[in-house]
C-alpha atoms as a PDB file:
ATOM      1  CA  UNK A   1     -41.526  23.474   0.583  1.00  0.00           C
ATOM      2  CA  UNK A   2     -38.687  20.786   1.372  1.00  0.00           C
ATOM      3  CA  UNK A   3     -39.276  17.007   0.315  1.00  0.00           C
ATOM      4  CA  UNK A   4     -38.786  15.052   3.430  1.00  0.00           C
ATOM      5  CA  UNK A   5     -40.294  12.256   2.388  1.00  0.00           C
ATOM      6  CA  UNK A   6     -36.396  10.791   1.368  1.00  0.00           C
ATOM      7  CA  UNK A   7     -35.144  10.582   4.913  1.00  0.00           C
ATOM      8  CA  UNK A   8     -38.354   8.820   5.954  1.00  0.00           C
ATOM      9  CA  UNK A   9     -37.531   5.573   8.000  1.00  0.00           C
ATOM     10  CA  UNK A  10     -36.341   2.624   6.581  1.00  0.00           C
ATOM     11  CA  UNK A  11     -34.771   4.772   3.105  1.00  0.00           C
ATOM     12  CA  UNK A  12     -31.753   4.013   1.785  1.00  0.00           C
ATOM     13  CA  UNK A  13     -30.833   7.999   2.546  1.00  0.00           C
ATOM     14  CA  UNK A  14     -31.605   7.711   6.090  1.00  0.00           C
ATOM     15  CA  UNK A  15     -30.125   4.350   6.416  1.00  0.00           C
ATOM     16  CA  UNK A  16     -26.776   5.719   4.297  1.00  0.00           C
ATOM     17  CA  UNK A  17     -26.711   8.443   6.837  1.00  0.00           C
ATOM     18  CA  UNK A  18     -27.758   6.479  10.071  1.00  0.00           C
ATOM     19  CA  UNK A  19     -24.592   3.800   9.188  1.00  0.00           C
ATOM     20  CA  UNK A  20     -21.803   6.487   8.263  1.00  0.00           C
ATOM     21  CA  UNK A  21     -22.636   8.682  11.550  1.00  0.00           C
ATOM     22  CA  UNK A  22     -24.103   5.602  14.269  1.00  0.00           C
ATOM     23  CA  UNK A  23     -26.406   8.292  15.366  1.00  0.00           C
ATOM     24  CA  UNK A  24     -30.145   7.142  15.337  1.00  0.00           C
ATOM     25  CA  UNK A  25     -31.889  10.686  14.714  1.00  0.00           C
ATOM     26  CA  UNK A  26     -31.448  12.639  11.632  1.00  0.00           C
ATOM     27  CA  UNK A  27     -30.663  16.187  10.978  1.00  0.00           C
ATOM     28  CA  UNK A  28     -31.582  17.189   7.842  1.00  0.00           C
ATOM     29  CA  UNK A  29     -29.096  20.114   6.192  1.00  0.00           C
ATOM     30  CA  UNK A  30     -26.355  17.723   8.008  1.00  0.00           C
ATOM     31  CA  UNK A  31     -27.564  14.518   6.479  1.00  0.00           C
ATOM     32  CA  UNK A  32     -27.910  16.627   2.836  1.00  0.00           C
ATOM     33  CA  UNK A  33     -24.321  17.089   2.815  1.00  0.00           C
ATOM     34  CA  UNK A  34     -22.599  14.119   4.385  1.00  0.00           C
ATOM     35  CA  UNK A  35     -25.451  11.251   2.295  1.00  0.00           C
ATOM     36  CA  UNK A  36     -23.230  13.567  -0.497  1.00  0.00           C
ATOM     37  CA  UNK A  37     -20.065  12.749   0.391  1.00  0.00           C
ATOM     38  CA  UNK A  38     -20.280   9.678   0.891  1.00  0.00           C
ATOM     39  CA  UNK A  39     -22.120   8.514  -2.371  1.00  0.00           C
ATOM     40  CA  UNK A  40     -19.518  10.550  -3.891  1.00  0.00           C
ATOM     41  CA  UNK A  41     -16.769   8.451  -2.335  1.00  0.00           C
ATOM     42  CA  UNK A  42     -18.536   5.484  -2.955  1.00  0.00           C
ATOM     43  CA  UNK A  43     -19.558   6.167  -6.710  1.00  0.00           C
ATOM     44  CA  UNK A  44     -15.385   6.992  -6.645  1.00  0.00           C
ATOM     45  CA  UNK A  45     -14.412   3.917  -4.964  1.00  0.00           C
ATOM     46  CA  UNK A  46     -16.680   2.001  -7.658  1.00  0.00           C
ATOM     47  CA  UNK A  47     -14.669   2.944 -11.089  1.00  0.00           C
ATOM     48  CA  UNK A  48     -11.516   2.893  -9.778  1.00  0.00           C
ATOM     49  CA  UNK A  49     -12.335  -0.789  -8.394  1.00  0.00           C
ATOM     50  CA  UNK A  50     -13.894  -1.287 -11.970  1.00  0.00           C
ATOM     51  CA  UNK A  51     -10.814   0.498 -13.410  1.00  0.00           C
ATOM     52  CA  UNK A  52      -8.330  -1.904 -11.553  1.00  0.00           C
ATOM     53  CA  UNK A  53      -9.865  -5.073 -13.141  1.00  0.00           C
ATOM     54  CA  UNK A  54      -9.961  -3.584 -16.722  1.00  0.00           C
ATOM     55  CA  UNK A  55      -6.524  -1.766 -16.881  1.00  0.00           C
ATOM     56  CA  UNK A  56      -5.446  -5.303 -15.750  1.00  0.00           C
ATOM     57  CA  UNK A  57      -7.047  -7.127 -18.306  1.00  0.00           C
ATOM     58  CA  UNK A  58      -6.738  -5.047 -21.633  1.00  0.00           C
ATOM     59  CA  UNK A  59      -4.336  -2.654 -20.799  1.00  0.00           C
ATOM     60  CA  UNK A  60      -4.587   1.052 -20.334  1.00  0.00           C
ATOM     61  CA  UNK A  61      -4.880   2.042 -24.138  1.00  0.00           C
ATOM     62  CA  UNK A  62      -7.150  -0.958 -24.328  1.00  0.00           C
ATOM     63  CA  UNK A  63      -9.704   0.437 -22.382  1.00  0.00           C
ATOM     64  CA  UNK A  64     -11.706   3.841 -22.995  1.00  0.00           C
ATOM     65  CA  UNK A  65     -13.760   5.798 -20.756  1.00  0.00           C
ATOM     66  CA  UNK A  66     -17.164   4.570 -22.257  1.00  0.00           C
ATOM     67  CA  UNK A  67     -16.828   1.074 -21.228  1.00  0.00           C
ATOM     68  CA  UNK A  68     -15.921   2.422 -17.910  1.00  0.00           C
ATOM     69  CA  UNK A  69     -18.836   3.880 -17.919  1.00  0.00           C
ATOM     70  CA  UNK A  70     -21.027   0.796 -19.419  1.00  0.00           C
ATOM     71  CA  UNK A  71     -19.181  -1.442 -16.456  1.00  0.00           C
ATOM     72  CA  UNK A  72     -18.907   0.763 -13.562  1.00  0.00           C
ATOM     73  CA  UNK A  73     -22.968   1.782 -14.265  1.00  0.00           C
ATOM     74  CA  UNK A  74     -21.953   5.658 -13.468  1.00  0.00           C
ATOM     75  CA  UNK A  75     -22.233   8.339 -16.648  1.00  0.00           C
ATOM     76  CA  UNK A  76     -19.280   9.480 -18.918  1.00  0.00           C
ATOM     77  CA  UNK A  77     -19.876  12.979 -17.658  1.00  0.00           C
ATOM     78  CA  UNK A  78     -20.020  12.043 -13.910  1.00  0.00           C
ATOM     79  CA  UNK A  79     -16.732  10.446 -14.671  1.00  0.00           C
ATOM     80  CA  UNK A  80     -14.996  13.415 -15.758  1.00  0.00           C
ATOM     81  CA  UNK A  81     -16.337  15.294 -13.353  1.00  0.00           C
ATOM     82  CA  UNK A  82     -14.347  13.158 -10.850  1.00  0.00           C
ATOM     83  CA  UNK A  83     -11.694  12.257 -12.567  1.00  0.00           C
ATOM     84  CA  UNK A  84      -9.764  14.458 -14.920  1.00  0.00           C
ATOM     85  CA  UNK A  85      -8.809  11.592 -17.923  1.00  0.00           C
ATOM     86  CA  UNK A  86      -7.917   7.929 -17.363  1.00  0.00           C
ATOM     87  CA  UNK A  87      -4.366   9.199 -15.893  1.00  0.00           C
ATOM     88  CA  UNK A  88      -6.463  10.617 -12.712  1.00  0.00           C
ATOM     89  CA  UNK A  89      -7.521   7.019 -11.691  1.00  0.00           C
ATOM     90  CA  UNK A  90      -4.708   5.688 -12.070  1.00  0.00           C
ATOM     91  CA  UNK A  91      -3.494   8.431  -9.771  1.00  0.00           C
ATOM     92  CA  UNK A  92      -5.878   6.795  -7.641  1.00  0.00           C
ATOM     93  CA  UNK A  93      -5.291   3.495  -8.131  1.00  0.00           C
ATOM     94  CA  UNK A  94      -1.225   4.418  -6.718  1.00  0.00           C
ATOM     95  CA  UNK A  95      -2.503   6.361  -3.662  1.00  0.00           C
ATOM     96  CA  UNK A  96      -4.583   3.624  -2.243  1.00  0.00           C
ATOM     97  CA  UNK A  97      -2.084   0.820  -3.372  1.00  0.00           C
ATOM     98  CA  UNK A  98       0.023   3.034  -1.521  1.00  0.00           C
ATOM     99  CA  UNK A  99      -1.970   3.985   1.397  1.00  0.00           C
ATOM    100  CA  UNK A 100      -2.919   0.901   2.682  1.00  0.00           C
ATOM    101  CA  UNK A 101       0.873   0.180   2.196  1.00  0.00           C
ATOM    102  CA  UNK A 102       1.865   2.457   4.394  1.00  0.00           C
ATOM    103  CA  UNK A 103      -0.720   2.047   7.090  1.00  0.00           C
ATOM    104  CA  UNK A 104       0.089  -1.537   7.691  1.00  0.00           C
ATOM    105  CA  UNK A 105      -0.852  -1.902  11.278  1.00  0.00           C
ATOM    106  CA  UNK A 106       1.805  -5.025  11.848  1.00  0.00           C
ATOM    107  CA  UNK A 107       4.420  -2.701  10.473  1.00  0.00           C
ATOM    108  CA  UNK A 108       3.243   0.189  13.099  1.00  0.00           C
ATOM    109  CA  UNK A 109       3.197  -1.534  16.043  1.00  0.00           C
ATOM    110  CA  UNK A 110       6.236  -4.016  15.734  1.00  0.00           C
ATOM    111  CA  UNK A 111       8.076  -0.386  15.195  1.00  0.00           C
ATOM    112  CA  UNK A 112       6.805   1.066  18.679  1.00  0.00           C
ATOM    113  CA  UNK A 113       7.632  -2.560  20.530  1.00  0.00           C
ATOM    114  CA  UNK A 114      11.025  -2.900  18.811  1.00  0.00           C
ATOM    115  CA  UNK A 115       9.539  -6.456  18.036  1.00  0.00           C
ATOM    116  CA  UNK A 116      12.539  -7.541  16.430  1.00  0.00           C
ATOM    117  CA  UNK A 117      10.942 -10.656  14.961  1.00  0.00           C
ATOM    118  CA  UNK A 118       8.345  -9.053  13.008  1.00  0.00           C
ATOM    119  CA  UNK A 119      10.116  -6.532  11.770  1.00  0.00           C
ATOM    120  CA  UNK A 120      12.822  -8.845  10.548  1.00  0.00           C
ATOM    121  CA  UNK A 121       8.832 -10.715   9.134  1.00  0.00           C
ATOM    122  CA  UNK A 122       7.865  -7.742   7.675  1.00  0.00           C
ATOM    123  CA  UNK A 123      11.020  -7.284   5.505  1.00  0.00           C
ATOM    124  CA  UNK A 124      10.906 -10.767   4.701  1.00  0.00           C
ATOM    125  CA  UNK A 125       7.013 -10.482   3.201  1.00  0.00           C
ATOM    126  CA  UNK A 126       8.271  -6.747   1.502  1.00  0.00           C
ATOM    127  CA  UNK A 127      11.403  -9.348  -0.742  1.00  0.00           C
ATOM    128  CA  UNK A 128       8.396 -11.703  -1.059  1.00  0.00           C
ATOM    129  CA  UNK A 129       6.097  -8.630  -2.531  1.00  0.00           C
ATOM    130  CA  UNK A 130       3.177 -10.221  -0.527  1.00  0.00           C
ATOM    131  CA  UNK A 131       2.537 -11.933  -3.211  1.00  0.00           C
ATOM    132  CA  UNK A 132       0.987 -15.774  -3.806  1.00  0.00           C
ATOM    133  CA  UNK A 133       3.530 -16.646  -6.798  1.00  0.00           C
ATOM    134  CA  UNK A 134       0.942 -14.290  -9.306  1.00  0.00           C
ATOM    135  CA  UNK A 135       1.930 -11.610 -11.457  1.00  0.00           C
ATOM    136  CA  UNK A 136       0.563  -8.686 -10.898  1.00  0.00           C
ATOM    137  CA  UNK A 137      -0.939  -7.541 -14.962  1.00  0.00           C
ATOM    138  CA  UNK A 138      -1.643  -3.990 -13.690  1.00  0.00           C
ATOM    139  CA  UNK A 139       1.430  -3.874 -11.876  1.00  0.00           C
ATOM    140  CA  UNK A 140       3.228  -4.673 -15.136  1.00  0.00           C
ATOM    141  CA  UNK A 141       1.112  -2.429 -17.637  1.00  0.00           C
ATOM    142  CA  UNK A 142       2.001   0.819 -15.015  1.00  0.00           C
ATOM    143  CA  UNK A 143       5.300   0.545 -15.401  1.00  0.00           C
ATOM    144  CA  UNK A 144       4.856  -0.034 -19.298  1.00  0.00           C
ATOM    145  CA  UNK A 145       2.708   3.153 -19.605  1.00  0.00           C
ATOM    146  CA  UNK A 146       5.661   5.137 -17.282  1.00  0.00           C
ATOM    147  CA  UNK A 147       8.027   4.439 -20.057  1.00  0.00           C
ATOM    148  CA  UNK A 148       5.879   6.417 -22.494  1.00  0.00           C
ATOM    149  CA  UNK A 149       3.742   8.447 -20.707  1.00  0.00           C
ATOM    150  CA  UNK A 150       5.185  11.580 -18.772  1.00  0.00           C
ATOM    151  CA  UNK A 151       2.635  11.780 -16.585  1.00  0.00           C
ATOM    152  CA  UNK A 152       1.974   8.090 -15.258  1.00  0.00           C
ATOM    153  CA  UNK A 153       5.860   8.403 -14.921  1.00  0.00           C
ATOM    154  CA  UNK A 154       5.335  10.984 -12.619  1.00  0.00           C
ATOM    155  CA  UNK A 155       3.513   8.658 -10.834  1.00  0.00           C
ATOM    156  CA  UNK A 156       5.119   6.205 -10.782  1.00  0.00           C
ATOM    157  CA  UNK A 157       8.182   8.155  -9.237  1.00  0.00           C
ATOM    158  CA  UNK A 158       5.875   9.087  -6.278  1.00  0.00           C
ATOM    159  CA  UNK A 159       5.963   5.964  -5.423  1.00  0.00           C
ATOM    160  CA  UNK A 160       9.299   5.538  -4.029  1.00  0.00           C
ATOM    161  CA  UNK A 161      10.145   8.021  -1.654  1.00  0.00           C
ATOM    162  CA  UNK A 162       6.939   6.873   0.525  1.00  0.00           C
ATOM    163  CA  UNK A 163       8.035   2.933   0.147  1.00  0.00           C
ATOM    164  CA  UNK A 164      11.778   3.509   1.128  1.00  0.00           C
ATOM    165  CA  UNK A 165      11.009   6.221   4.193  1.00  0.00           C
ATOM    166  CA  UNK A 166       8.675   3.415   5.586  1.00  0.00           C
ATOM    167  CA  UNK A 167      11.653   0.506   5.197  1.00  0.00           C
ATOM    168  CA  UNK A 168      13.818   2.875   6.479  1.00  0.00           C
ATOM    169  CA  UNK A 169      11.593   3.305   9.847  1.00  0.00           C
ATOM    170  CA  UNK A 170      11.893  -0.350  10.008  1.00  0.00           C
ATOM    171  CA  UNK A 171      15.250  -0.108   9.828  1.00  0.00           C
ATOM    172  CA  UNK A 172      15.967   2.198  12.045  1.00  0.00           C
ATOM    173  CA  UNK A 173      13.939   0.825  14.536  1.00  0.00           C
ATOM    174  CA  UNK A 174      15.860  -2.681  14.020  1.00  0.00           C
ATOM    175  CA  UNK A 175      19.057  -0.549  14.415  1.00  0.00           C
ATOM    176  CA  UNK A 176      17.992   2.909  15.216  1.00  0.00           C
ATOM    177  CA  UNK A 177      22.586   4.180  16.501  1.00  0.00           C
ATOM    178  CA  UNK A 178      22.709   7.001  14.232  1.00  0.00           C
ATOM    179  CA  UNK A 179      26.529   5.782  13.286  1.00  0.00           C
ATOM    180  CA  UNK A 180      24.460   2.970  11.409  1.00  0.00           C
ATOM    181  CA  UNK A 181      22.691   5.729   9.575  1.00  0.00           C
ATOM    182  CA  UNK A 182      24.815   4.675   6.002  1.00  0.00           C
ATOM    183  CA  UNK A 183      24.467   0.920   6.962  1.00  0.00           C
ATOM    184  CA  UNK A 184      20.230   1.245   7.352  1.00  0.00           C
ATOM    185  CA  UNK A 185      20.818   3.371   3.570  1.00  0.00           C
ATOM    186  CA  UNK A 186      22.553   0.685   2.584  1.00  0.00           C
ATOM    187  CA  UNK A 187      20.806  -2.136   3.007  1.00  0.00           C
ATOM    188  CA  UNK A 188      17.418   0.114   2.454  1.00  0.00           C
ATOM    189  CA  UNK A 189      18.425   0.487  -1.294  1.00  0.00           C
ATOM    190  CA  UNK A 190      19.689  -3.339  -1.322  1.00  0.00           C
ATOM    191  CA  UNK A 191      15.584  -4.317  -0.171  1.00  0.00           C
ATOM    192  CA  UNK A 192      14.213  -1.759  -2.722  1.00  0.00           C
ATOM    193  CA  UNK A 193      16.532  -3.339  -5.616  1.00  0.00           C
ATOM    194  CA  UNK A 194      15.618  -7.088  -4.857  1.00  0.00           C
ATOM    195  CA  UNK A 195      11.824  -6.430  -4.454  1.00  0.00           C
ATOM    196  CA  UNK A 196      11.635  -4.972  -8.005  1.00  0.00           C
ATOM    197  CA  UNK A 197      14.360  -7.934  -9.690  1.00  0.00           C
ATOM    198  CA  UNK A 198      11.835 -10.166  -7.982  1.00  0.00           C
ATOM    199  CA  UNK A 199       8.550  -8.702  -9.510  1.00  0.00           C
ATOM    200  CA  UNK A 200      10.249  -8.075 -12.523  1.00  0.00           C
ATOM    201  CA  UNK A 201      11.139 -11.853 -12.697  1.00  0.00           C
ATOM    202  CA  UNK A 202       7.581 -12.845 -11.874  1.00  0.00           C
ATOM    203  CA  UNK A 203       6.145 -10.877 -14.834  1.00  0.00           C
ATOM    204  CA  UNK A 204       8.985 -11.650 -17.290  1.00  0.00           C
ATOM    205  CA  UNK A 205      10.043 -15.174 -16.879  1.00  0.00           C
ATOM    206  CA  UNK A 206       7.567 -18.248 -17.109  1.00  0.00           C
ATOM    207  CA  UNK A 207      10.421 -20.283 -15.135  1.00  0.00           C
ATOM    208  CA  UNK A 208      11.214 -18.269 -12.232  1.00  0.00           C
ATOM    209  CA  UNK A 209      11.297 -19.930  -9.699  1.00  0.00           C
ATOM    210  CA  UNK A 210       9.974 -18.729  -7.031  1.00  0.00           C
ATOM    211  CA  UNK A 211      10.408 -20.572  -3.950  1.00  0.00           C
ATOM    212  CA  UNK A 212      13.790 -21.391  -4.122  1.00  0.00           C
ATOM    213  CA  UNK A 213      15.845 -17.510  -5.281  1.00  0.00           C
ATOM    214  CA  UNK A 214      13.013 -15.721  -2.015  1.00  0.00           C
ATOM    215  CA  UNK A 215      15.062 -18.940   0.298  1.00  0.00           C
ATOM    216  CA  UNK A 216      18.023 -17.099  -1.069  1.00  0.00           C
ATOM    217  CA  UNK A 217      17.251 -14.058  -0.530  1.00  0.00           C
ATOM    218  CA  UNK A 218      15.671 -14.272   2.697  1.00  0.00           C
ATOM    219  CA  UNK A 219      19.043 -16.315   3.456  1.00  0.00           C
ATOM    220  CA  UNK A 220      21.347 -12.838   1.896  1.00  0.00           C
ATOM    221  CA  UNK A 221      18.672 -10.643   4.052  1.00  0.00           C
ATOM    222  CA  UNK A 222      18.744 -12.372   7.341  1.00  0.00           C
ATOM    223  CA  UNK A 223      22.820 -12.037   7.072  1.00  0.00           C
ATOM    224  CA  UNK A 224      22.570  -8.138   6.486  1.00  0.00           C
ATOM    225  CA  UNK A 225      20.080  -7.966   9.416  1.00  0.00           C
ATOM    226  CA  UNK A 226      21.874 -10.205  11.767  1.00  0.00           C
ATOM    227  CA  UNK A 227      25.415  -7.702  11.166  1.00  0.00           C
ATOM    228  CA  UNK A 228      23.511  -4.465  11.172  1.00  0.00           C
ATOM    229  CA  UNK A 229      21.659  -4.862  14.502  1.00  0.00           C
ATOM    230  CA  UNK A 230      24.466  -7.588  15.825  1.00  0.00           C
ATOM    231  CA  UNK A 231      24.517 -10.272  18.405  1.00  0.00           C
ATOM    232  CA  UNK A 232      21.000 -10.172  20.734  1.00  0.00           C
ATOM    233  CA  UNK A 233      22.405 -10.101  24.581  1.00  0.00           C
ATOM    234  CA  UNK A 234      22.142 -12.900  26.703  1.00  0.00           C
ATOM    235  CA  UNK A 235      18.568 -12.958  28.345  1.00  0.00           C
ATOM    236  CA  UNK A 236      20.164 -14.603  31.583  1.00  0.00           C
ATOM    237  CA  UNK A 237      22.962 -11.385  31.768  1.00  0.00           C
ATOM    238  CA  UNK A 238      22.725  -7.661  32.203  1.00  0.00           C
ATOM    239  CA  UNK A 239      25.672  -5.334  32.846  1.00  0.00           C
ATOM    240  CA  UNK A 240      26.126  -3.791  35.919  1.00  0.00           C
ATOM    241  CA  UNK A 241      26.996   0.233  36.613  1.00  0.00           C
ATOM    242  CA  UNK A 242      30.159  -0.757  36.720  1.00  0.00           C
ATOM    243  CA  UNK A 243      30.443  -2.864  33.807  1.00  0.00           C
ATOM    244  CA  UNK A 244      30.639  -6.078  35.077  1.00  0.00           C
ATOM    245  CA  UNK A 245      28.347  -8.740  33.467  1.00  0.00           C
ATOM    246  CA  UNK A 246      25.822  -9.761  36.646  1.00  0.00           C
ATOM    247  CA  UNK A 247      23.097 -12.680  36.490  1.00  0.00           C
ATOM    248  CA  UNK A 248      19.432 -10.968  36.368  1.00  0.00           C
END
């Protein structure tokens, strides 16, 4: 006989189903599957959040699965059912951060509308690495581990193609002509190199004068963008079919 008591009004399982589906009525079989999936996703998210903090504070090797279990309240056996090993947890962290970056709605809207000022600002923020000026210890730990761990190196190598593709979409929106493809590629490479340098200086140089450096780098970036897109047309004039310039 099926026990329906855990679907009673006000129980956690019913609330989870209603919040996840927006449905006030309960289908018992659907709720069972949906609730299990929701709980599994919430459990993975909690573990990744704890791992992110501990890896940053103590390092990859300084954090054991037993400590992850103790801090998260998730049993060791369950952790290994969700993740094969600690490298798999790092992969989840990287994929999560990358998904947030690639799904940037401001970038998407700016590309769709070819909003040049917004595209410029997005590139400036990319160059700033979206930071408040504090080093990112987790990034430093992942890069250090990548130097000695083949699996972490493989995970780190998945970042560059996706980030490069996002940068190229922005640059193509700024300068869509096919004849500008090589210039776009060179500028993309330059932005990636400068941003990597910023991250390195932020982590490794306690005397890094970030604000002054950003002003100089953004000046260089803006100059390259100006060359790439050319001068903006005078807004009060337009070209006629015969090639004459006439007032709007």
